[in-house]
PDB file of N, CA and C in Angstrom:
ATOM      1  N   VAL A   1      49.605 111.815 313.236  1.00  0.00           N
ATOM      2  CA  VAL A   1      48.514 111.135 313.899  1.00  0.00           C
ATOM      3  C   VAL A   1      47.303 112.061 313.966  1.00  0.00           C
ATOM      4  N   GLY A   2      47.524 113.323 314.175  1.00  0.00           N
ATOM      5  CA  GLY A   2      46.426 114.283 314.243  1.00  0.00           C
ATOM      6  C   GLY A   2      45.628 114.340 312.956  1.00  0.00           C
ATOM      7  N   SER A   3      46.317 114.251 311.831  1.00  0.00           N
ATOM      8  CA  SER A   3      45.625 114.259 310.534  1.00  0.00           C
ATOM      9  C   SER A   3      44.727 113.044 310.387  1.00  0.00           C
ATOM     10  N   LEU A   4      45.198 111.897 310.868  1.00  0.00           N
ATOM     11  CA  LEU A   4      44.390 110.678 310.796  1.00  0.00           C
ATOM     12  C   LEU A   4      43.166 110.782 311.699  1.00  0.00           C
ATOM     13  N   GLU A   5      43.360 111.343 312.884  1.00  0.00           N
ATOM     14  CA  GLU A   5      42.224 111.526 313.795  1.00  0.00           C
ATOM     15  C   GLU A   5      41.186 112.461 313.186  1.00  0.00           C
ATOM     16  N   PHE A   6      41.653 113.511 312.525  1.00  0.00           N
ATOM     17  CA  PHE A   6      40.747 114.457 311.879  1.00  0.00           C
ATOM     18  C   PHE A   6      39.972 113.773 310.761  1.00  0.00           C
ATOM     19  N   CYS A   7      40.680 112.991 309.939  1.00  0.00           N
ATOM     20  CA  CYS A   7      40.016 112.289 308.828  1.00  0.00           C
ATOM     21  C   CYS A   7      38.906 111.377 309.329  1.00  0.00           C
ATOM     22  N   ALA A   8      39.226 110.604 310.346  1.00  0.00           N
ATOM     23  CA  ALA A   8      38.248 109.635 310.852  1.00  0.00           C
ATOM     24  C   ALA A   8      37.153 110.309 311.663  1.00  0.00           C
ATOM     25  N   GLY A   9      37.531 111.198 312.554  1.00  0.00           N
ATOM     26  CA  GLY A   9      36.558 111.801 313.466  1.00  0.00           C
ATOM     27  C   GLY A   9      35.706 112.879 312.850  1.00  0.00           C
ATOM     28  N   LYS A  10      36.331 113.847 312.210  1.00  0.00           N
ATOM     29  CA  LYS A  10      35.606 115.005 311.701  1.00  0.00           C
ATOM     30  C   LYS A  10      35.031 114.778 310.307  1.00  0.00           C
ATOM     31  N   LEU A  11      35.783 114.091 309.468  1.00  0.00           N
ATOM     32  CA  LEU A  11      35.329 113.894 308.096  1.00  0.00           C
ATOM     33  C   LEU A  11      34.599 112.579 307.891  1.00  0.00           C
ATOM     34  N   GLY A  12      34.694 111.681 308.877  1.00  0.00           N
ATOM     35  CA  GLY A  12      33.988 110.411 308.786  1.00  0.00           C
ATOM     36  C   GLY A  12      34.596 109.409 307.818  1.00  0.00           C
ATOM     37  N   SER A  13      35.879 109.553 307.543  1.00  0.00           N
ATOM     38  CA  SER A  13      36.547 108.606 306.633  1.00  0.00           C
ATOM     39  C   SER A  13      36.445 107.191 307.176  1.00  0.00           C
ATOM     40  N   LYS A  14      36.127 106.259 306.324  1.00  0.00           N
ATOM     41  CA  LYS A  14      35.992 104.856 306.720  1.00  0.00           C
ATOM     42  C   LYS A  14      37.276 104.065 306.463  1.00  0.00           C
ATOM     43  N   LEU A  15      38.129 104.574 305.573  1.00  0.00           N
ATOM     44  CA  LEU A  15      39.342 103.870 305.222  1.00  0.00           C
ATOM     45  C   LEU A  15      40.494 104.873 305.169  1.00  0.00           C
ATOM     46  N   ILE A  16      41.571 104.549 305.844  1.00  0.00           N
ATOM     47  CA  ILE A  16      42.784 105.374 305.807  1.00  0.00           C
ATOM     48  C   ILE A  16      43.902 104.477 305.288  1.00  0.00           C
ATOM     49  N   LEU A  17      44.546 104.895 304.236  1.00  0.00           N
ATOM     50  CA  LEU A  17      45.602 104.124 303.609  1.00  0.00           C
ATOM     51  C   LEU A  17      46.934 104.803 303.901  1.00  0.00           C
ATOM     52  N   VAL A  18      47.841 104.077 304.529  1.00  0.00           N
ATOM     53  CA  VAL A  18      49.158 104.606 304.859  1.00  0.00           C
ATOM     54  C   VAL A  18      50.174 103.906 303.967  1.00  0.00           C
ATOM     55  N   LEU A  19      50.929 104.693 303.218  1.00  0.00           N
ATOM     56  CA  LEU A  19      51.889 104.149 302.267  1.00  0.00           C
ATOM     57  C   LEU A  19      53.305 104.537 302.672  1.00  0.00           C
ATOM     58  N   GLY A  20      54.240 103.710 302.337  1.00  0.00           N
ATOM     59  CA  GLY A  20      55.646 104.027 302.560  1.00  0.00           C
ATOM     60  C   GLY A  20      56.226 104.659 301.306  1.00  0.00           C
ATOM     61  N   HIS A  21      57.383 105.280 301.458  1.00  0.00           N
ATOM     62  CA  HIS A  21      58.069 105.859 300.316  1.00  0.00           C
ATOM     63  C   HIS A  21      59.573 105.812 300.565  1.00  0.00           C
ATOM     64  N   THR A  22      60.328 105.868 299.498  1.00  0.00           N
ATOM     65  CA  THR A  22      61.776 105.836 299.642  1.00  0.00           C
ATOM     66  C   THR A  22      62.268 107.164 300.209  1.00  0.00           C
ATOM     67  N   GLN A  23      63.432 107.130 300.800  1.00  0.00           N
ATOM     68  CA  GLN A  23      64.074 108.305 301.388  1.00  0.00           C
ATOM     69  C   GLN A  23      63.163 109.003 302.393  1.00  0.00           C
ATOM     70  N   CYS A  24      62.509 108.218 303.219  1.00  0.00           N
ATOM     71  CA  CYS A  24      61.594 108.747 304.230  1.00  0.00           C
ATOM     72  C   CYS A  24      62.402 109.416 305.343  1.00  0.00           C
ATOM     73  N   GLY A  25      62.163 110.688 305.553  1.00  0.00           N
ATOM     74  CA  GLY A  25      62.889 111.439 306.575  1.00  0.00           C
ATOM     75  C   GLY A  25      62.622 110.937 307.980  1.00  0.00           C
ATOM     76  N   ALA A  26      61.393 110.503 308.245  1.00  0.00           N
ATOM     77  CA  ALA A  26      61.060 110.005 309.582  1.00  0.00           C
ATOM     78  C   ALA A  26      61.822 108.714 309.880  1.00  0.00           C
ATOM     79  N   ILE A  27      61.872 107.826 308.909  1.00  0.00           N
ATOM     80  CA  ILE A  27      62.589 106.561 309.104  1.00  0.00           C
ATOM     81  C   ILE A  27      64.087 106.819 309.189  1.00  0.00           C
ATOM     82  N   ALA A  28      64.600 107.741 308.389  1.00  0.00           N
ATOM     83  CA  ALA A  28      66.028 108.080 308.468  1.00  0.00           C
ATOM     84  C   ALA A  28      66.354 108.644 309.848  1.00  0.00           C
ATOM     85  N   GLY A  29      65.499 109.528 310.353  1.00  0.00           N
ATOM     86  CA  GLY A  29      65.705 110.085 311.692  1.00  0.00           C
ATOM     87  C   GLY A  29      65.611 109.026 312.773  1.00  0.00           C
ATOM     88  N   ALA A  30      64.666 108.119 312.615  1.00  0.00           N
ATOM     89  CA  ALA A  30      64.506 107.040 313.598  1.00  0.00           C
ATOM     90  C   ALA A  30      65.716 106.110 313.584  1.00  0.00           C
ATOM     91  N   THR A  31      66.248 105.851 312.395  1.00  0.00           N
ATOM     92  CA  THR A  31      67.432 104.995 312.283  1.00  0.00           C
ATOM     93  C   THR A  31      68.620 105.653 312.973  1.00  0.00           C
ATOM     94  N   LYS A  32      68.796 106.942 312.747  1.00  0.00           N
ATOM     95  CA  LYS A  32      69.889 107.673 313.405  1.00  0.00           C
ATOM     96  C   LYS A  32      69.675 107.725 314.914  1.00  0.00           C
ATOM     97  N   THR A  33      68.435 107.872 315.346  1.00  0.00           N
ATOM     98  CA  THR A  33      68.125 107.866 316.788  1.00  0.00           C
ATOM     99  C   THR A  33      68.457 106.519 317.391  1.00  0.00           C
ATOM    100  N   TYR A  34      68.093 105.447 316.701  1.00  0.00           N
ATOM    101  CA  TYR A  34      68.391 104.092 317.176  1.00  0.00           C
ATOM    102  C   TYR A  34      69.895 103.877 317.273  1.00  0.00           C
ATOM    103  N   LEU A  35      70.620 104.231 316.220  1.00  0.00           N
ATOM    104  CA  LEU A  35      72.065 104.039 316.232  1.00  0.00           C
ATOM    105  C   LEU A  35      72.720 104.886 317.316  1.00  0.00           C
ATOM    106  N   GLY A  36      72.211 106.102 317.530  1.00  0.00           N
ATOM    107  CA  GLY A  36      72.735 106.968 318.584  1.00  0.00           C
ATOM    108  C   GLY A  36      72.480 106.412 319.968  1.00  0.00           C
ATOM    109  N   SER A  37      71.355 105.732 320.143  1.00  0.00           N
ATOM    110  CA  SER A  37      71.024 105.172 321.459  1.00  0.00           C
ATOM    111  C   SER A  37      71.927 103.995 321.803  1.00  0.00           C
ATOM    112  N   LYS A  38      72.520 103.386 320.785  1.00  0.00           N
ATOM    113  CA  LYS A  38      73.434 102.266 321.030  1.00  0.00           C
ATOM    114  C   LYS A  38      74.782 102.758 321.555  1.00  0.00           C
ATOM    115  N   ASP A  39      75.105 104.026 321.312  1.00  0.00           N
ATOM    116  CA  ASP A  39      76.387 104.582 321.728  1.00  0.00           C
ATOM    117  C   ASP A  39      76.441 104.923 323.210  1.00  0.00           C
ATOM    118  N   GLY A  40      75.300 105.065 323.836  1.00  0.00           N
ATOM    119  CA  GLY A  40      75.293 105.407 325.250  1.00  0.00           C
ATOM    120  C   GLY A  40      73.888 105.475 325.782  1.00  0.00           C
ATOM    121  N   PRO A  41      73.767 105.702 327.066  1.00  0.00           N
ATOM    122  CA  PRO A  41      72.434 105.763 327.670  1.00  0.00           C
ATOM    123  C   PRO A  41      71.638 106.943 327.136  1.00  0.00           C
ATOM    124  N   THR A  42      70.352 106.717 326.967  1.00  0.00           N
ATOM    125  CA  THR A  42      69.461 107.779 326.521  1.00  0.00           C
ATOM    126  C   THR A  42      68.459 108.076 327.616  1.00  0.00           C
ATOM    127  N   SER A  43      67.950 109.262 327.583  1.00  0.00           N
ATOM    128  CA  SER A  43      66.968 109.674 328.578  1.00  0.00           C
ATOM    129  C   SER A  43      65.629 109.001 328.288  1.00  0.00           C
ATOM    130  N   LYS A  44      64.930 108.622 329.325  1.00  0.00           N
ATOM    131  CA  LYS A  44      63.585 108.054 329.164  1.00  0.00           C
ATOM    132  C   LYS A  44      62.563 109.156 328.915  1.00  0.00           C
ATOM    133  N   ASN A  45      62.953 110.420 329.171  1.00  0.00           N
ATOM    134  CA  ASN A  45      62.047 111.542 328.997  1.00  0.00           C
ATOM    135  C   ASN A  45      62.071 112.010 327.548  1.00  0.00           C
ATOM    136  N   VAL A  46      60.921 112.075 326.956  1.00  0.00           N
ATOM    137  CA  VAL A  46      60.802 112.540 325.586  1.00  0.00           C
ATOM    138  C   VAL A  46      60.677 114.056 325.626  1.00  0.00           C
ATOM    139  N   GLY A  47      61.551 114.747 324.870  1.00  0.00           N
ATOM    140  CA  GLY A  47      61.575 116.208 324.894  1.00  0.00           C
ATOM    141  C   GLY A  47      60.479 116.851 324.062  1.00  0.00           C
ATOM    142  N   CYS A  48      60.055 116.209 322.979  1.00  0.00           N
ATOM    143  CA  CYS A  48      59.025 116.772 322.115  1.00  0.00           C
ATOM    144  C   CYS A  48      58.323 115.642 321.380  1.00  0.00           C
ATOM    145  N   ALA A  49      57.259 115.992 320.703  1.00  0.00           N
ATOM    146  CA  ALA A  49      56.484 114.975 319.976  1.00  0.00           C
ATOM    147  C   ALA A  49      57.325 114.303 318.901  1.00  0.00           C
ATOM    148  N   LEU A  50      58.158 115.074 318.199  1.00  0.00           N
ATOM    149  CA  LEU A  50      58.989 114.492 317.149  1.00  0.00           C
ATOM    150  C   LEU A  50      59.966 113.481 317.730  1.00  0.00           C
ATOM    151  N   GLU A  51      60.585 113.822 318.849  1.00  0.00           N
ATOM    152  CA  GLU A  51      61.510 112.888 319.487  1.00  0.00           C
ATOM    153  C   GLU A  51      60.787 111.605 319.899  1.00  0.00           C
ATOM    154  N   GLY A  52      59.577 111.733 320.396  1.00  0.00           N
ATOM    155  CA  GLY A  52      58.776 110.563 320.750  1.00  0.00           C
ATOM    156  C   GLY A  52      58.490 109.690 319.543  1.00  0.00           C
ATOM    157  N   LEU A  53      58.197 110.323 318.405  1.00  0.00           N
ATOM    158  CA  LEU A  53      57.949 109.584 317.168  1.00  0.00           C
ATOM    159  C   LEU A  53      59.196 108.825 316.730  1.00  0.00           C
ATOM    160  N   LEU A  54      60.343 109.498 316.764  1.00  0.00           N
ATOM    161  CA  LEU A  54      61.588 108.869 316.328  1.00  0.00           C
ATOM    162  C   LEU A  54      61.966 107.707 317.232  1.00  0.00           C
ATOM    163  N   ILE A  55      61.777 107.872 318.528  1.00  0.00           N
ATOM    164  CA  ILE A  55      62.064 106.788 319.468  1.00  0.00           C
ATOM    165  C   ILE A  55      61.111 105.626 319.222  1.00  0.00           C
ATOM    166  N   GLY A  56      59.840 105.934 318.975  1.00  0.00           N
ATOM    167  CA  GLY A  56      58.854 104.890 318.709  1.00  0.00           C
ATOM    168  C   GLY A  56      59.147 104.113 317.444  1.00  0.00           C
ATOM    169  N   LEU A  57      59.704 104.776 316.435  1.00  0.00           N
ATOM    170  CA  LEU A  57      60.020 104.117 315.167  1.00  0.00           C
ATOM    171  C   LEU A  57      61.368 103.407 315.189  1.00  0.00           C
ATOM    172  N   SER A  58      62.153 103.610 316.234  1.00  0.00           N
ATOM    173  CA  SER A  58      63.499 103.033 316.251  1.00  0.00           C
ATOM    174  C   SER A  58      63.487 101.503 316.254  1.00  0.00           C
ATOM    175  N   ARG A  59      62.394 100.898 316.689  1.00  0.00           N
ATOM    176  CA  ARG A  59      62.337  99.430 316.648  1.00  0.00           C
ATOM    177  C   ARG A  59      62.340  98.920 315.207  1.00  0.00           C
ATOM    178  N   VAL A  60      61.888  99.743 314.264  1.00  0.00           N
ATOM    179  CA  VAL A  60      61.945  99.397 312.850  1.00  0.00           C
ATOM    180  C   VAL A  60      63.404  99.314 312.416  1.00  0.00           C
ATOM    181  N   ALA A  61      64.200 100.291 312.843  1.00  0.00           N
ATOM    182  CA  ALA A  61      65.628 100.288 312.521  1.00  0.00           C
ATOM    183  C   ALA A  61      66.328  99.110 313.180  1.00  0.00           C
ATOM    184  N   GLN A  62      65.917  98.782 314.381  1.00  0.00           N
ATOM    185  CA  GLN A  62      66.513  97.644 315.074  1.00  0.00           C
ATOM    186  C   GLN A  62      66.231  96.348 314.309  1.00  0.00           C
ATOM    187  N   GLN A  63      65.002  96.184 313.846  1.00  0.00           N
ATOM    188  CA  GLN A  63      64.667  94.989 313.071  1.00  0.00           C
ATOM    189  C   GLN A  63      65.465  94.954 311.770  1.00  0.00           C
ATOM    190  N   ALA A  64      65.601  96.103 311.119  1.00  0.00           N
ATOM    191  CA  ALA A  64      66.373  96.167 309.877  1.00  0.00           C
ATOM    192  C   ALA A  64      67.830  95.785 310.132  1.00  0.00           C
ATOM    193  N   GLU A  65      68.387  96.273 311.229  1.00  0.00           N
ATOM    194  CA  GLU A  65      69.770  95.933 311.564  1.00  0.00           C
ATOM    195  C   GLU A  65      69.906  94.448 311.883  1.00  0.00           C
ATOM    196  N   ASP A  66      68.919  93.897 312.568  1.00  0.00           N
ATOM    197  CA  ASP A  66      68.934  92.461 312.854  1.00  0.00           C
ATOM    198  C   ASP A  66      68.951  91.650 311.564  1.00  0.00           C
ATOM    199  N   GLU A  67      68.198  92.107 310.575  1.00  0.00           N
ATOM    200  CA  GLU A  67      68.119  91.388 309.311  1.00  0.00           C
ATOM    201  C   GLU A  67      69.366  91.578 308.451  1.00  0.00           C
ATOM    202  N   LEU A  68      69.958  92.786 308.477  1.00  0.00           N
ATOM    203  CA  LEU A  68      71.124  93.071 307.642  1.00  0.00           C
ATOM    204  C   LEU A  68      72.445  92.744 308.333  1.00  0.00           C
ATOM    205  N   GLY A  69      72.433  92.758 309.651  1.00  0.00           N
ATOM    206  CA  GLY A  69      73.659  92.523 310.401  1.00  0.00           C
ATOM    207  C   GLY A  69      74.271  93.829 310.880  1.00  0.00           C
ATOM    208  N   VAL A  70      74.907  93.762 312.018  1.00  0.00           N
ATOM    209  CA  VAL A  70      75.562  94.938 312.592  1.00  0.00           C
ATOM    210  C   VAL A  70      76.661  95.392 311.638  1.00  0.00           C
ATOM    211  N   GLY A  71      76.792  96.694 311.475  1.00  0.00           N
ATOM    212  CA  GLY A  71      77.829  97.236 310.607  1.00  0.00           C
ATOM    213  C   GLY A  71      77.342  97.588 309.216  1.00  0.00           C
ATOM    214  N   ALA A  72      76.053  97.432 308.955  1.00  0.00           N
ATOM    215  CA  ALA A  72      75.511  97.806 307.641  1.00  0.00           C
ATOM    216  C   ALA A  72      75.665  99.316 307.455  1.00  0.00           C
ATOM    217  N   GLU A  73      75.897  99.725 306.223  1.00  0.00           N
ATOM    218  CA  GLU A  73      76.015 101.148 305.896  1.00  0.00           C
ATOM    219  C   GLU A  73      74.712 101.870 306.270  1.00  0.00           C
ATOM    220  N   LEU A  74      74.822 103.124 306.691  1.00  0.00           N
ATOM    221  CA  LEU A  74      73.654 103.897 307.119  1.00  0.00           C
ATOM    222  C   LEU A  74      72.595 103.962 306.023  1.00  0.00           C
ATOM    223  N   ASP A  75      72.989 104.289 304.795  1.00  0.00           N
ATOM    224  CA  ASP A  75      72.013 104.401 303.701  1.00  0.00           C
ATOM    225  C   ASP A  75      71.307 103.083 303.438  1.00  0.00           C
ATOM    226  N   THR A  76      72.044 101.995 303.515  1.00  0.00           N
ATOM    227  CA  THR A  76      71.463 100.666 303.317  1.00  0.00           C
ATOM    228  C   THR A  76      70.495 100.337 304.446  1.00  0.00           C
ATOM    229  N   LEU A  77      70.893 100.679 305.661  1.00  0.00           N
ATOM    230  CA  LEU A  77      70.045 100.429 306.822  1.00  0.00           C
ATOM    231  C   LEU A  77      68.759 101.249 306.758  1.00  0.00           C
ATOM    232  N   VAL A  78      68.863 102.507 306.346  1.00  0.00           N
ATOM    233  CA  VAL A  78      67.673 103.365 306.213  1.00  0.00           C
ATOM    234  C   VAL A  78      66.741 102.801 305.138  1.00  0.00           C
ATOM    235  N   ALA A  79      67.291 102.432 303.992  1.00  0.00           N
ATOM    236  CA  ALA A  79      66.465 101.893 302.898  1.00  0.00           C
ATOM    237  C   ALA A  79      65.759 100.618 303.330  1.00  0.00           C
ATOM    238  N   HIS A  80      66.450  99.759 304.050  1.00  0.00           N
ATOM    239  CA  HIS A  80      65.838  98.511 304.509  1.00  0.00           C
ATOM    240  C   HIS A  80      64.807  98.798 305.615  1.00  0.00           C
ATOM    241  N   SER A  81      65.071  99.802 306.427  1.00  0.00           N
ATOM    242  CA  SER A  81      64.116 100.191 307.477  1.00  0.00           C
ATOM    243  C   SER A  81      62.791 100.634 306.875  1.00  0.00           C
ATOM    244  N   VAL A  82      62.859 101.348 305.754  1.00  0.00           N
ATOM    245  CA  VAL A  82      61.636 101.770 305.054  1.00  0.00           C
ATOM    246  C   VAL A  82      60.833 100.538 304.641  1.00  0.00           C
ATOM    247  N   LYS A  83      61.510  99.534 304.096  1.00  0.00           N
ATOM    248  CA  LYS A  83      60.817  98.307 303.683  1.00  0.00           C
ATOM    249  C   LYS A  83      60.235  97.577 304.880  1.00  0.00           C
ATOM    250  N   VAL A  84      60.973  97.525 305.979  1.00  0.00           N
ATOM    251  CA  VAL A  84      60.488  96.871 307.183  1.00  0.00           C
ATOM    252  C   VAL A  84      59.250  97.578 307.708  1.00  0.00           C
ATOM    253  N   ASN A  85      59.243  98.892 307.639  1.00  0.00           N
ATOM    254  CA  ASN A  85      58.126  99.674 308.165  1.00  0.00           C
ATOM    255  C   ASN A  85      56.850  99.477 307.371  1.00  0.00           C
ATOM    256  N   VAL A  86      56.972  99.206 306.070  1.00  0.00           N
ATOM    257  CA  VAL A  86      55.791  99.002 305.235  1.00  0.00           C
ATOM    258  C   VAL A  86      55.333  97.585 305.431  1.00  0.00           C
TER     259      VAL A  86
END
């Protein structure tokens, strides 16, 4: 997010293009965070910026799971989460 703020604020960029890619580490982490949160209660306190990002993206994994069905393989769920996010 900081890079985007810099582009728009300091460099005066008028257009920012955000693209998805396969094997996205952020989406994979968010999917694992989402699946982990289903196993038990999670803290409402975010420990770091990365954890906040992963928690924020977990709704993408939830939508992917809703579309694929509970029990989908992790790799399949991550790949579909990438598509959902784009």
